[in-house]
PDB file of N, CA and C in Angstrom:
ATOM      1  N   MET A   1      -7.495 -13.743  -4.896  1.00  0.00           N
ATOM      2  CA  MET A   1      -6.305 -12.905  -4.965  1.00  0.00           C
ATOM      3  C   MET A   1      -6.567 -11.588  -4.235  1.00  0.00           C
ATOM      4  N   ASP A   2      -5.604 -11.165  -3.446  1.00  0.00           N
ATOM      5  CA  ASP A   2      -5.710  -9.890  -2.741  1.00  0.00           C
ATOM      6  C   ASP A   2      -5.636  -8.746  -3.738  1.00  0.00           C
ATOM      7  N   ARG A   3      -6.436  -7.727  -3.502  1.00  0.00           N
ATOM      8  CA  ARG A   3      -6.415  -6.515  -4.315  1.00  0.00           C
ATOM      9  C   ARG A   3      -6.451  -5.322  -3.368  1.00  0.00           C
ATOM     10  N   TYR A   4      -5.910  -4.219  -3.853  1.00  0.00           N
ATOM     11  CA  TYR A   4      -5.877  -2.986  -3.078  1.00  0.00           C
ATOM     12  C   TYR A   4      -6.328  -1.846  -3.967  1.00  0.00           C
ATOM     13  N   ILE A   5      -6.997  -0.871  -3.357  1.00  0.00           N
ATOM     14  CA  ILE A   5      -7.367   0.337  -4.082  1.00  0.00           C
ATOM     15  C   ILE A   5      -6.538   1.486  -3.525  1.00  0.00           C
ATOM     16  N   TYR A   6      -6.023   2.296  -4.437  1.00  0.00           N
ATOM     17  CA  TYR A   6      -5.187   3.431  -4.053  1.00  0.00           C
ATOM     18  C   TYR A   6      -5.336   4.497  -5.125  1.00  0.00           C
ATOM     19  N   LYS A   7      -5.802   5.664  -4.698  1.00  0.00           N
ATOM     20  CA  LYS A   7      -6.003   6.795  -5.609  1.00  0.00           C
ATOM     21  C   LYS A   7      -6.875   6.410  -6.804  1.00  0.00           C
ATOM     22  N   GLY A   8      -7.917   5.618  -6.517  1.00  0.00           N
ATOM     23  CA  GLY A   8      -8.891   5.255  -7.536  1.00  0.00           C
ATOM     24  C   GLY A   8      -8.480   4.138  -8.474  1.00  0.00           C
ATOM     25  N   ILE A   9      -7.330   3.524  -8.226  1.00  0.00           N
ATOM     26  CA  ILE A   9      -6.842   2.454  -9.098  1.00  0.00           C
ATOM     27  C   ILE A   9      -6.769   1.161  -8.294  1.00  0.00           C
ATOM     28  N   ASN A  10      -7.190   0.066  -8.921  1.00  0.00           N
ATOM     29  CA  ASN A  10      -7.168  -1.252  -8.310  1.00  0.00           C
ATOM     30  C   ASN A  10      -5.830  -1.917  -8.621  1.00  0.00           C
ATOM     31  N   TYR A  11      -5.131  -2.393  -7.581  1.00  0.00           N
ATOM     32  CA  TYR A  11      -3.795  -2.974  -7.741  1.00  0.00           C
ATOM     33  C   TYR A  11      -3.718  -4.389  -7.183  1.00  0.00           C
ATOM     34  N   THR A  12      -2.882  -5.217  -7.799  1.00  0.00           N
ATOM     35  CA  THR A  12      -2.438  -6.454  -7.166  1.00  0.00           C
ATOM     36  C   THR A  12      -1.341  -6.056  -6.182  1.00  0.00           C
ATOM     37  N   PRO A  13      -1.007  -6.912  -5.224  1.00  0.00           N
ATOM     38  CA  PRO A  13       0.055  -6.555  -4.281  1.00  0.00           C
ATOM     39  C   PRO A  13       1.378  -6.182  -4.958  1.00  0.00           C
ATOM     40  N   GLY A  14       1.797  -6.946  -5.944  1.00  0.00           N
ATOM     41  CA  GLY A  14       3.070  -6.657  -6.614  1.00  0.00           C
ATOM     42  C   GLY A  14       3.069  -5.320  -7.327  1.00  0.00           C
ATOM     43  N   ARG A  15       1.994  -5.027  -8.023  1.00  0.00           N
ATOM     44  CA  ARG A  15       1.898  -3.737  -8.725  1.00  0.00           C
ATOM     45  C   ARG A  15       1.804  -2.579  -7.740  1.00  0.00           C
ATOM     46  N   LEU A  16       1.127  -2.808  -6.615  1.00  0.00           N
ATOM     47  CA  LEU A  16       1.028  -1.763  -5.597  1.00  0.00           C
ATOM     48  C   LEU A  16       2.403  -1.436  -5.032  1.00  0.00           C
ATOM     49  N   VAL A  17       3.181  -2.449  -4.714  1.00  0.00           N
ATOM     50  CA  VAL A  17       4.534  -2.210  -4.196  1.00  0.00           C
ATOM     51  C   VAL A  17       5.343  -1.405  -5.203  1.00  0.00           C
ATOM     52  N   GLU A  18       5.270  -1.766  -6.466  1.00  0.00           N
ATOM     53  CA  GLU A  18       6.022  -1.031  -7.491  1.00  0.00           C
ATOM     54  C   GLU A  18       5.555   0.423  -7.591  1.00  0.00           C
ATOM     55  N   GLU A  19       4.254   0.662  -7.472  1.00  0.00           N
ATOM     56  CA  GLU A  19       3.737   2.036  -7.509  1.00  0.00           C
ATOM     57  C   GLU A  19       4.217   2.827  -6.292  1.00  0.00           C
ATOM     58  N   LEU A  20       4.202   2.208  -5.135  1.00  0.00           N
ATOM     59  CA  LEU A  20       4.663   2.894  -3.925  1.00  0.00           C
ATOM     60  C   LEU A  20       6.152   3.211  -3.997  1.00  0.00           C
ATOM     61  N   ILE A  21       6.929   2.327  -4.576  1.00  0.00           N
ATOM     62  CA  ILE A  21       8.360   2.592  -4.762  1.00  0.00           C
ATOM     63  C   ILE A  21       8.548   3.716  -5.775  1.00  0.00           C
ATOM     64  N   ARG A  22       7.819   3.639  -6.883  1.00  0.00           N
ATOM     65  CA  ARG A  22       7.945   4.652  -7.948  1.00  0.00           C
ATOM     66  C   ARG A  22       7.636   6.055  -7.428  1.00  0.00           C
ATOM     67  N   THR A  23       6.651   6.157  -6.537  1.00  0.00           N
ATOM     68  CA  THR A  23       6.236   7.463  -6.031  1.00  0.00           C
ATOM     69  C   THR A  23       6.972   7.884  -4.760  1.00  0.00           C
ATOM     70  N   GLY A  24       7.907   7.050  -4.293  1.00  0.00           N
ATOM     71  CA  GLY A  24       8.701   7.410  -3.127  1.00  0.00           C
ATOM     72  C   GLY A  24       8.047   7.137  -1.790  1.00  0.00           C
ATOM     73  N   VAL A  25       6.905   6.465  -1.792  1.00  0.00           N
ATOM     74  CA  VAL A  25       6.229   6.136  -0.540  1.00  0.00           C
ATOM     75  C   VAL A  25       6.929   4.974   0.153  1.00  0.00           C
ATOM     76  N   ALA A  26       7.437   4.034  -0.634  1.00  0.00           N
ATOM     77  CA  ALA A  26       8.147   2.865  -0.105  1.00  0.00           C
ATOM     78  C   ALA A  26       9.552   2.819  -0.682  1.00  0.00           C
ATOM     79  N   SER A  27      10.437   2.168   0.048  1.00  0.00           N
ATOM     80  CA  SER A  27      11.801   1.967  -0.447  1.00  0.00           C
ATOM     81  C   SER A  27      11.842   0.680  -1.270  1.00  0.00           C
ATOM     82  N   PRO A  28      12.881   0.500  -2.079  1.00  0.00           N
ATOM     83  CA  PRO A  28      13.005  -0.739  -2.855  1.00  0.00           C
ATOM     84  C   PRO A  28      13.018  -2.000  -1.993  1.00  0.00           C
ATOM     85  N   GLY A  29      13.368  -1.883  -0.730  1.00  0.00           N
ATOM     86  CA  GLY A  29      13.345  -3.030   0.166  1.00  0.00           C
ATOM     87  C   GLY A  29      11.960  -3.628   0.351  1.00  0.00           C
ATOM     88  N   ALA A  30      10.923  -2.868   0.016  1.00  0.00           N
ATOM     89  CA  ALA A  30       9.553  -3.374   0.137  1.00  0.00           C
ATOM     90  C   ALA A  30       9.285  -4.523  -0.825  1.00  0.00           C
ATOM     91  N   ARG A  31      10.089  -4.631  -1.875  1.00  0.00           N
ATOM     92  CA  ARG A  31       9.893  -5.723  -2.845  1.00  0.00           C
ATOM     93  C   ARG A  31      10.020  -7.096  -2.204  1.00  0.00           C
ATOM     94  N   GLY A  32      10.799  -7.228  -1.179  1.00  0.00           N
ATOM     95  CA  GLY A  32      11.005  -8.525  -0.550  1.00  0.00           C
ATOM     96  C   GLY A  32      10.091  -8.804   0.626  1.00  0.00           C
ATOM     97  N   MET A  33       9.113  -7.939   0.849  1.00  0.00           N
ATOM     98  CA  MET A  33       8.246  -8.062   2.022  1.00  0.00           C
ATOM     99  C   MET A  33       6.842  -8.507   1.630  1.00  0.00           C
ATOM    100  N   GLU A  34       6.139  -9.081   2.589  1.00  0.00           N
ATOM    101  CA  GLU A  34       4.711  -9.317   2.411  1.00  0.00           C
ATOM    102  C   GLU A  34       4.042  -7.946   2.339  1.00  0.00           C
ATOM    103  N   ILE A  35       3.025  -7.811   1.499  1.00  0.00           N
ATOM    104  CA  ILE A  35       2.393  -6.505   1.278  1.00  0.00           C
ATOM    105  C   ILE A  35       1.845  -5.911   2.579  1.00  0.00           C
ATOM    106  N   GLU A  36       1.207  -6.715   3.407  1.00  0.00           N
ATOM    107  CA  GLU A  36       0.649  -6.176   4.650  1.00  0.00           C
ATOM    108  C   GLU A  36       1.750  -5.700   5.593  1.00  0.00           C
ATOM    109  N   ASP A  37       2.862  -6.408   5.642  1.00  0.00           N
ATOM    110  CA  ASP A  37       3.987  -5.963   6.470  1.00  0.00           C
ATOM    111  C   ASP A  37       4.528  -4.631   5.966  1.00  0.00           C
ATOM    112  N   ALA A  38       4.669  -4.507   4.660  1.00  0.00           N
ATOM    113  CA  ALA A  38       5.169  -3.258   4.077  1.00  0.00           C
ATOM    114  C   ALA A  38       4.208  -2.110   4.364  1.00  0.00           C
ATOM    115  N   LEU A  39       2.912  -2.342   4.155  1.00  0.00           N
ATOM    116  CA  LEU A  39       1.931  -1.280   4.398  1.00  0.00           C
ATOM    117  C   LEU A  39       1.887  -0.893   5.872  1.00  0.00           C
ATOM    118  N   ASN A  40       1.984  -1.864   6.759  1.00  0.00           N
ATOM    119  CA  ASN A  40       1.999  -1.548   8.193  1.00  0.00           C
ATOM    120  C   ASN A  40       3.217  -0.718   8.566  1.00  0.00           C
ATOM    121  N   GLN A  41       4.377  -1.046   8.031  1.00  0.00           N
ATOM    122  CA  GLN A  41       5.583  -0.267   8.322  1.00  0.00           C
ATOM    123  C   GLN A  41       5.460   1.156   7.798  1.00  0.00           C
ATOM    124  N   ILE A  42       4.954   1.309   6.586  1.00  0.00           N
ATOM    125  CA  ILE A  42       4.782   2.646   6.005  1.00  0.00           C
ATOM    126  C   ILE A  42       3.794   3.450   6.841  1.00  0.00           C
ATOM    127  N   ALA A  43       2.670   2.835   7.201  1.00  0.00           N
ATOM    128  CA  ALA A  43       1.658   3.527   7.996  1.00  0.00           C
ATOM    129  C   ALA A  43       2.218   3.930   9.356  1.00  0.00           C
ATOM    130  N   ASP A  44       2.897   3.010  10.024  1.00  0.00           N
ATOM    131  CA  ASP A  44       3.467   3.317  11.344  1.00  0.00           C
ATOM    132  C   ASP A  44       4.483   4.451  11.265  1.00  0.00           C
ATOM    133  N   ALA A  45       5.321   4.432  10.255  1.00  0.00           N
ATOM    134  CA  ALA A  45       6.359   5.458  10.111  1.00  0.00           C
ATOM    135  C   ALA A  45       5.774   6.836   9.821  1.00  0.00           C
ATOM    136  N   ASN A  46       4.553   6.856   9.265  1.00  0.00           N
ATOM    137  CA  ASN A  46       3.939   8.128   8.880  1.00  0.00           C
ATOM    138  C   ASN A  46       2.727   8.499   9.725  1.00  0.00           C
ATOM    139  N   GLY A  47       2.486   7.768  10.810  1.00  0.00           N
ATOM    140  CA  GLY A  47       1.366   8.076  11.696  1.00  0.00           C
ATOM    141  C   GLY A  47       0.010   7.917  11.035  1.00  0.00           C
ATOM    142  N   ILE A  48      -0.123   6.945  10.158  1.00  0.00           N
ATOM    143  CA  ILE A  48      -1.369   6.721   9.426  1.00  0.00           C
ATOM    144  C   ILE A  48      -2.179   5.638  10.121  1.00  0.00           C
ATOM    145  N   ASP A  49      -3.456   5.929  10.370  1.00  0.00           N
ATOM    146  CA  ASP A  49      -4.378   4.940  10.927  1.00  0.00           C
ATOM    147  C   ASP A  49      -5.027   4.213   9.757  1.00  0.00           C
ATOM    148  N   ARG A  50      -4.583   3.006   9.494  1.00  0.00           N
ATOM    149  CA  ARG A  50      -5.072   2.256   8.332  1.00  0.00           C
ATOM    150  C   ARG A  50      -6.562   1.965   8.407  1.00  0.00           C
ATOM    151  N   ALA A  51      -7.146   1.968   9.604  1.00  0.00           N
ATOM    152  CA  ALA A  51      -8.568   1.661   9.750  1.00  0.00           C
ATOM    153  C   ALA A  51      -9.455   2.801   9.268  1.00  0.00           C
ATOM    154  N   THR A  52      -8.930   4.018   9.252  1.00  0.00           N
ATOM    155  CA  THR A  52      -9.775   5.164   8.918  1.00  0.00           C
ATOM    156  C   THR A  52      -9.298   5.980   7.724  1.00  0.00           C
ATOM    157  N   VAL A  53      -8.106   5.738   7.242  1.00  0.00           N
ATOM    158  CA  VAL A  53      -7.557   6.561   6.164  1.00  0.00           C
ATOM    159  C   VAL A  53      -8.297   6.304   4.848  1.00  0.00           C
ATOM    160  N   SER A  54      -8.437   7.343   4.072  1.00  0.00           N
ATOM    161  CA  SER A  54      -9.077   7.250   2.756  1.00  0.00           C
ATOM    162  C   SER A  54      -8.167   6.520   1.776  1.00  0.00           C
ATOM    163  N   PRO A  55      -8.738   5.719   0.862  1.00  0.00           N
ATOM    164  CA  PRO A  55      -7.906   5.068  -0.152  1.00  0.00           C
ATOM    165  C   PRO A  55      -7.303   6.060  -1.150  1.00  0.00           C
ATOM    166  N   ASP A  56      -7.712   7.310  -1.080  1.00  0.00           N
ATOM    167  CA  ASP A  56      -7.065   8.339  -1.897  1.00  0.00           C
ATOM    168  C   ASP A  56      -5.730   8.756  -1.286  1.00  0.00           C
ATOM    169  N   GLU A  57      -5.551   8.464   0.008  1.00  0.00           N
ATOM    170  CA  GLU A  57      -4.334   8.847   0.718  1.00  0.00           C
ATOM    171  C   GLU A  57      -3.403   7.674   1.012  1.00  0.00           C
ATOM    172  N   PHE A  58      -3.977   6.473   1.134  1.00  0.00           N
ATOM    173  CA  PHE A  58      -3.180   5.293   1.484  1.00  0.00           C
ATOM    174  C   PHE A  58      -3.915   4.057   0.978  1.00  0.00           C
ATOM    175  N   PRO A  59      -3.182   3.049   0.507  1.00  0.00           N
ATOM    176  CA  PRO A  59      -3.830   1.851  -0.037  1.00  0.00           C
ATOM    177  C   PRO A  59      -4.725   1.148   0.987  1.00  0.00           C
ATOM    178  N   ARG A  60      -5.858   0.658   0.479  1.00  0.00           N
ATOM    179  CA  ARG A  60      -6.790  -0.111   1.305  1.00  0.00           C
ATOM    180  C   ARG A  60      -7.136  -1.405   0.590  1.00  0.00           C
ATOM    181  N   PRO A  61      -7.327  -2.488   1.343  1.00  0.00           N
ATOM    182  CA  PRO A  61      -7.792  -3.724   0.706  1.00  0.00           C
ATOM    183  C   PRO A  61      -9.178  -3.499   0.102  1.00  0.00           C
ATOM    184  N   CYS A  62      -9.460  -4.172  -0.981  1.00  0.00           N
ATOM    185  CA  CYS A  62     -10.788  -4.047  -1.583  1.00  0.00           C
ATOM    186  C   CYS A  62     -11.273  -5.416  -2.035  1.00  0.00           C
ATOM    187  N   ALA A  63     -12.584  -5.544  -2.104  1.00  0.00           N
ATOM    188  CA  ALA A  63     -13.188  -6.783  -2.596  1.00  0.00           C
ATOM    189  C   ALA A  63     -13.141  -6.775  -4.115  1.00  0.00           C
ATOM    190  N   VAL A  64     -12.870  -7.925  -4.669  1.00  0.00           N
ATOM    191  CA  VAL A  64     -12.798  -8.028  -6.136  1.00  0.00           C
ATOM    192  C   VAL A  64     -14.152  -8.403  -6.670  1.00  0.00           C
TER     193      VAL A  64
END
């Protein structure tokens, strides 16, 4: 199962999307998207380099 770390918390994709919506990072439309597509759109819209950004600033995949 895919997992993501964001601000020190480990998330499943579904819970991560809900957290991003709750905090205003993502729109409710993200619920119908694949998590990687949603994260790529958010990163592109905000000029975030997903390869180098800290997981304190943007979600990153993590090993379980």
